[in-house]
Protein backbone atom coordinates (compact mmCIF):
# COMPACT_ATOMS: atom_id res chain seq x y z
CA MET A 1 2.52 -25.54 -9.13
CA GLY A 2 6.15 -25.24 -8.03
CA SER A 3 7.94 -21.96 -7.67
CA ALA A 4 9.66 -22.43 -11.03
CA SER A 5 6.28 -22.66 -12.77
CA ARG A 6 5.03 -19.47 -11.15
CA LYS A 7 7.85 -17.31 -12.42
CA ALA A 8 7.14 -14.28 -14.57
CA ARG A 9 9.29 -14.18 -17.69
CA PHE A 10 9.91 -11.00 -19.70
CA VAL A 11 10.50 -11.12 -23.43
CA SER A 12 10.97 -7.59 -24.71
CA GLU A 13 7.91 -5.82 -23.24
CA THR A 14 5.86 -8.99 -22.75
CA LEU A 15 5.23 -10.65 -19.41
CA THR A 16 4.39 -14.35 -19.56
CA LEU A 17 2.34 -15.56 -16.64
CA PRO A 18 1.58 -19.24 -16.02
CA THR A 19 -1.95 -19.42 -14.62
CA ARG A 20 -3.04 -21.89 -11.99
CA GLU A 21 -6.61 -22.00 -13.25
CA ASN A 22 -5.57 -23.23 -16.70
CA GLU A 23 -3.25 -25.97 -15.56
CA PHE A 24 -4.58 -29.46 -16.30
CA ASP A 25 -3.53 -33.06 -16.87
CA ARG A 26 -3.80 -34.57 -20.35
CA PRO A 27 -3.08 -38.23 -21.13
CA LEU A 28 -0.75 -38.93 -24.04
CA VAL A 29 -2.18 -41.72 -26.22
CA TYR A 30 -0.37 -43.90 -28.72
CA ASN A 31 -2.24 -46.68 -30.58
CA ASP A 32 -5.08 -46.48 -28.09
CA ASN A 33 -2.68 -47.11 -25.20
CA VAL A 34 -2.16 -44.53 -22.50
CA PHE A 35 1.55 -44.35 -21.78
CA LEU A 36 1.80 -41.40 -19.39
CA VAL A 37 0.06 -38.30 -18.14
CA ALA A 38 1.65 -34.97 -19.01
CA LYS A 39 1.09 -31.75 -17.11
CA LEU A 40 0.13 -29.03 -19.54
CA ILE A 41 0.12 -25.35 -18.60
CA MET A 42 -1.79 -22.79 -20.58
CA ILE A 43 0.23 -19.58 -20.87
CA GLU A 44 -1.38 -16.15 -20.69
CA THR A 45 0.56 -13.25 -22.17
CA ILE A 46 0.17 -9.73 -20.77
CA GLN A 47 1.98 -6.60 -21.90
CA ALA A 48 4.38 -5.44 -19.18
CA ARG A 49 3.13 -1.88 -19.39
CA GLU A 50 -0.42 -3.09 -18.70
CA ILE A 51 0.29 -5.27 -15.65
CA SER A 52 -1.58 -4.25 -12.52
CA LEU A 53 -1.28 -5.03 -8.84
CA TYR A 54 -4.61 -6.85 -9.04
CA GLU A 55 -3.29 -9.19 -11.74
CA LEU A 56 -0.14 -9.92 -9.74
CA GLU A 57 -2.25 -10.68 -6.69
CA GLU A 58 -4.53 -12.98 -8.70
CA LYS A 59 -1.81 -14.83 -10.60
CA PHE A 60 0.80 -15.17 -7.88
CA GLY A 61 -1.11 -14.68 -4.63
CA LEU A 62 1.00 -11.56 -4.06
CA GLU A 63 0.15 -9.96 -0.74
CA LEU A 64 0.77 -6.45 0.62
CA VAL A 65 2.09 -6.47 4.19
CA ILE A 66 1.00 -3.53 6.34
CA ASN A 67 2.94 -4.55 9.46
CA THR A 68 5.95 -2.25 9.74
CA ASP A 69 8.09 -5.07 11.17
CA PHE A 70 8.16 -6.70 7.72
CA PHE A 71 10.18 -3.93 6.06
CA THR A 72 12.49 -2.29 8.60
CA GLU A 73 15.49 -1.95 6.26
CA TRP A 74 14.47 1.53 5.15
CA ILE A 75 14.20 2.96 8.69
CA GLU A 76 16.44 0.93 11.02
CA ASN A 77 20.21 0.33 11.29
CA LEU A 78 20.92 2.84 8.53
CA PRO A 79 24.58 3.76 7.85
CA LEU A 80 25.61 7.26 8.78
CA ILE A 81 26.20 9.91 6.12
CA ASN A 82 29.50 11.76 6.44
CA ASP A 83 30.11 15.44 5.76
CA VAL A 84 31.53 14.87 2.27
CA GLU A 85 28.46 12.85 1.29
CA LYS A 86 26.15 15.49 2.75
CA SER A 87 27.90 18.12 0.65
CA SER A 88 27.50 15.95 -2.47
CA LEU A 89 23.78 15.50 -1.75
CA GLU A 90 23.32 19.25 -1.36
CA ARG A 91 24.88 19.66 -4.80
CA VAL A 92 22.45 17.10 -6.22
CA LYS A 93 19.53 19.00 -4.69
CA SER A 94 20.84 22.30 -6.04
CA ASN A 95 21.16 20.82 -9.54
CA TYR A 96 17.64 19.39 -9.29
CA PHE A 97 16.03 22.68 -8.24
CA ASN A 98 17.93 24.61 -10.90
CA LEU A 99 16.88 22.27 -13.73
CA THR A 100 13.24 21.95 -12.68
CA LYS A 101 12.73 25.72 -12.74
CA HIS A 102 12.25 25.55 -16.49
CA ARG A 103 10.65 22.16 -17.26
CA SER A 104 9.91 18.70 -15.91
CA MET A 105 12.86 16.33 -16.02
CA SER A 106 13.03 13.52 -18.58
CA GLU A 107 14.09 10.08 -17.41
CA GLU A 108 17.55 10.66 -18.89
CA ALA A 109 17.94 13.84 -16.83
CA VAL A 110 16.67 12.03 -13.73
CA LYS A 111 19.31 9.35 -14.20
CA MET A 112 22.16 11.79 -14.81
CA VAL A 113 21.32 14.48 -12.27
CA VAL A 114 19.71 12.58 -9.40
CA LEU A 115 20.05 8.81 -9.64
CA SER A 116 23.59 8.42 -10.92
CA PRO A 117 25.20 10.45 -8.11
CA LEU A 118 23.18 8.47 -5.54
CA LEU A 119 24.27 5.12 -6.95
CA ASP A 120 27.86 6.37 -7.03
CA LEU A 121 27.79 7.55 -3.41
CA ALA A 122 26.23 4.23 -2.38
CA GLY A 123 29.16 2.40 -4.00
CA PHE A 124 27.15 0.53 -6.65
CA TYR A 125 29.59 1.41 -9.45
CA GLN A 126 32.42 -0.45 -7.72
CA PRO A 127 33.10 -4.19 -7.34
CA PRO A 128 31.57 -6.50 -6.30
CA PHE A 129 28.38 -4.86 -7.61
CA GLU A 130 27.19 -5.45 -11.17
CA ILE A 131 24.62 -3.28 -12.95
CA GLU A 132 22.50 -4.53 -15.85
CA THR A 133 19.71 -2.91 -17.83
CA GLU A 134 16.32 -4.16 -18.97
CA PRO A 135 14.25 -2.95 -21.95
CA SER A 136 12.27 0.20 -21.25
CA THR A 137 8.54 -0.12 -20.59
CA ARG A 138 6.18 2.40 -22.16
CA ILE A 139 3.33 3.86 -20.10
CA SER A 140 0.43 6.15 -20.91
CA ALA A 141 -2.30 7.96 -19.00
CA VAL A 142 -5.07 10.45 -19.63
CA ASP A 143 -4.40 13.89 -18.14
CA GLU A 144 -7.19 16.42 -18.72
CA SER A 145 -8.42 14.55 -21.81
CA ILE A 146 -4.90 14.42 -23.26
CA ILE A 147 -3.07 11.09 -23.60
CA VAL A 148 0.33 11.51 -21.97
CA LYS A 149 3.03 8.96 -22.79
CA GLY A 150 6.15 8.16 -20.84
CA ASN A 151 8.73 5.48 -20.16
CA ILE A 152 10.05 3.43 -17.28
CA ASP A 153 13.75 2.55 -17.48
CA ILE A 154 15.04 -0.38 -15.44
CA LEU A 155 18.43 -1.00 -13.83
CA VAL A 156 19.25 -4.25 -12.04
CA ILE A 157 21.98 -4.49 -9.40
CA ASN A 158 23.23 -8.00 -8.56
CA LYS A 159 19.75 -9.28 -9.49
CA LYS A 160 18.63 -8.26 -6.00
CA LEU A 161 17.92 -4.52 -6.37
CA TRP A 162 15.66 -3.24 -9.14
CA VAL A 163 15.77 0.49 -9.86
CA LEU A 164 12.91 1.86 -11.99
CA VAL A 165 13.21 5.40 -13.34
CA ILE A 166 9.97 7.07 -14.43
CA GLU A 167 9.91 9.77 -17.06
CA SER A 168 8.13 12.60 -15.27
CA LYS A 169 6.83 14.82 -18.05
CA SER A 170 3.43 14.85 -16.33
CA THR A 171 2.37 14.85 -12.70
CA LYS A 172 0.03 12.05 -13.79
CA PHE A 173 2.99 9.69 -13.43
CA ASP A 174 3.72 9.76 -9.74
CA VAL A 175 6.37 7.47 -8.37
CA ILE A 176 3.94 4.63 -7.57
CA THR A 177 3.18 4.29 -11.30
CA ALA A 178 6.12 1.88 -11.59
CA LEU A 179 5.17 -0.34 -8.62
CA PRO A 180 3.40 -3.12 -10.59
CA GLN A 181 6.25 -3.33 -13.10
CA ALA A 182 8.83 -3.38 -10.29
CA LEU A 183 7.06 -6.23 -8.51
CA ALA A 184 6.68 -8.19 -11.75
CA TYR A 185 10.41 -8.00 -12.40
CA MET A 186 11.23 -8.78 -8.77
CA LEU A 187 9.03 -11.89 -8.92
CA ASP A 188 11.26 -13.16 -11.72
CA THR A 189 14.48 -13.11 -9.70
CA PRO A 190 16.19 -16.52 -9.57
CA ASN A 191 17.09 -16.53 -5.86
CA VAL A 192 14.00 -17.04 -3.71
CA GLU A 193 15.84 -17.58 -0.43
CA TYR A 194 16.62 -13.92 0.17
CA PRO A 195 14.53 -10.74 -0.09
CA THR A 196 14.78 -8.58 -3.19
CA PHE A 197 14.45 -4.82 -3.15
CA GLY A 198 13.23 -2.14 -5.49
CA LEU A 199 13.66 1.62 -5.80
CA LEU A 200 11.14 3.70 -7.73
CA VAL A 201 12.39 7.13 -8.82
CA ASN A 202 10.76 9.99 -10.71
CA GLY A 203 13.35 12.65 -9.93
CA ARG A 204 11.41 14.23 -7.08
CA GLU A 205 10.32 11.19 -5.07
CA PHE A 206 11.76 7.84 -4.06
CA VAL A 207 9.90 4.73 -2.90
CA PHE A 208 11.64 1.57 -1.66
CA VAL A 209 10.06 -1.86 -2.06
CA LYS A 210 10.81 -5.20 -0.41
CA LEU A 211 9.65 -8.56 -1.76
CA VAL A 212 9.93 -11.93 -0.01
CA ARG A 213 9.11 -14.97 -2.14
CA GLN A 214 9.34 -17.82 0.38
CA GLU A 215 6.02 -19.66 0.38
CA LYS A 216 3.44 -17.00 -0.55
CA PRO A 217 5.05 -13.87 -2.08
CA LYS A 218 4.70 -10.79 0.11
CA TYR A 219 5.77 -7.20 -0.34
CA ALA A 220 5.83 -3.85 1.43
CA ARG A 221 6.90 -0.37 0.46
CA SER A 222 8.16 2.77 2.12
CA TYR A 223 6.32 6.04 1.97
CA ALA A 224 7.55 8.43 -0.71
CA LEU A 225 10.74 10.20 0.31
CA SER A 226 11.19 13.56 -1.39
CA ILE A 227 14.27 15.42 -2.57
CA GLU A 228 12.38 18.60 -1.66
CA ARG A 229 11.94 17.78 2.05
CA ASP A 230 14.70 18.53 4.56
CA THR A 231 17.08 15.58 4.99
CA GLU A 232 15.08 12.90 3.15
CA LEU A 233 17.63 12.67 0.34
CA GLN A 234 20.16 11.71 3.02
CA GLN A 235 17.80 8.96 4.12
CA VAL A 236 17.56 7.72 0.52
CA LEU A 237 21.35 7.38 0.38
CA SER A 238 21.43 5.67 3.78
CA VAL A 239 18.81 3.13 2.65
CA LEU A 240 20.73 2.45 -0.56
CA LYS A 241 23.86 1.81 1.47
CA ARG A 242 21.94 -0.51 3.81
CA ILE A 243 20.46 -2.45 0.90
CA GLY A 244 23.94 -2.65 -0.63
CA GLN A 245 25.13 -4.37 2.53
CA LEU A 246 22.21 -6.80 2.48
CA ILE A 247 22.40 -7.87 -1.16
CA LEU A 248 26.03 -8.88 -0.72
CA LEU A 249 25.20 -11.35 2.05
């Protein structure tokens, strides 16, 4: 199948995956005469919230790359953070610690208190960047015999950076919870010539993802950077700035 046939398409919360195994040729017959052979593709529908890394690997041949040379953008050639930006980041951290004294942060609070200032400092609210939104994806998990429900909100920047915000009402939803959904969306990006990037956020932790779709799709991710550890929030901003430079190329 060509790359266009392998694309994942989202309709509301539904991910449509063409499957290689169910692709077959069927002759079209008219008055007992075979005129042509049409390629028919059986379509399998999977709920976005239920997609797993295993399914993405099976359907698309998605491969995790362990070699650190594949994803250097989150550790090398990072822009410097100036004193004004450092001061702004300290304010973000102070706000975060103050608010989390009382309760876990909802995804709306994460976006307002942590994510929005980071995107602003990285310049994503200014031209030539464009931000779009995608429908939220619901998630659930069992935590001590109690079903805990949450949401993943999605922002798209220039169709090259996908930001997924996880509602963190339970520690059951760590930042990696959104990885399969992020990769599914990233696989659907129209431009396959350049890498696409993802950022997973739950308020406390940040994970960056890189996907390359040339030939066989491959991805890698950073380790989880934490707002609670030393200067890692500065690194998050530096990586966002670096990715901003790359997606404009």
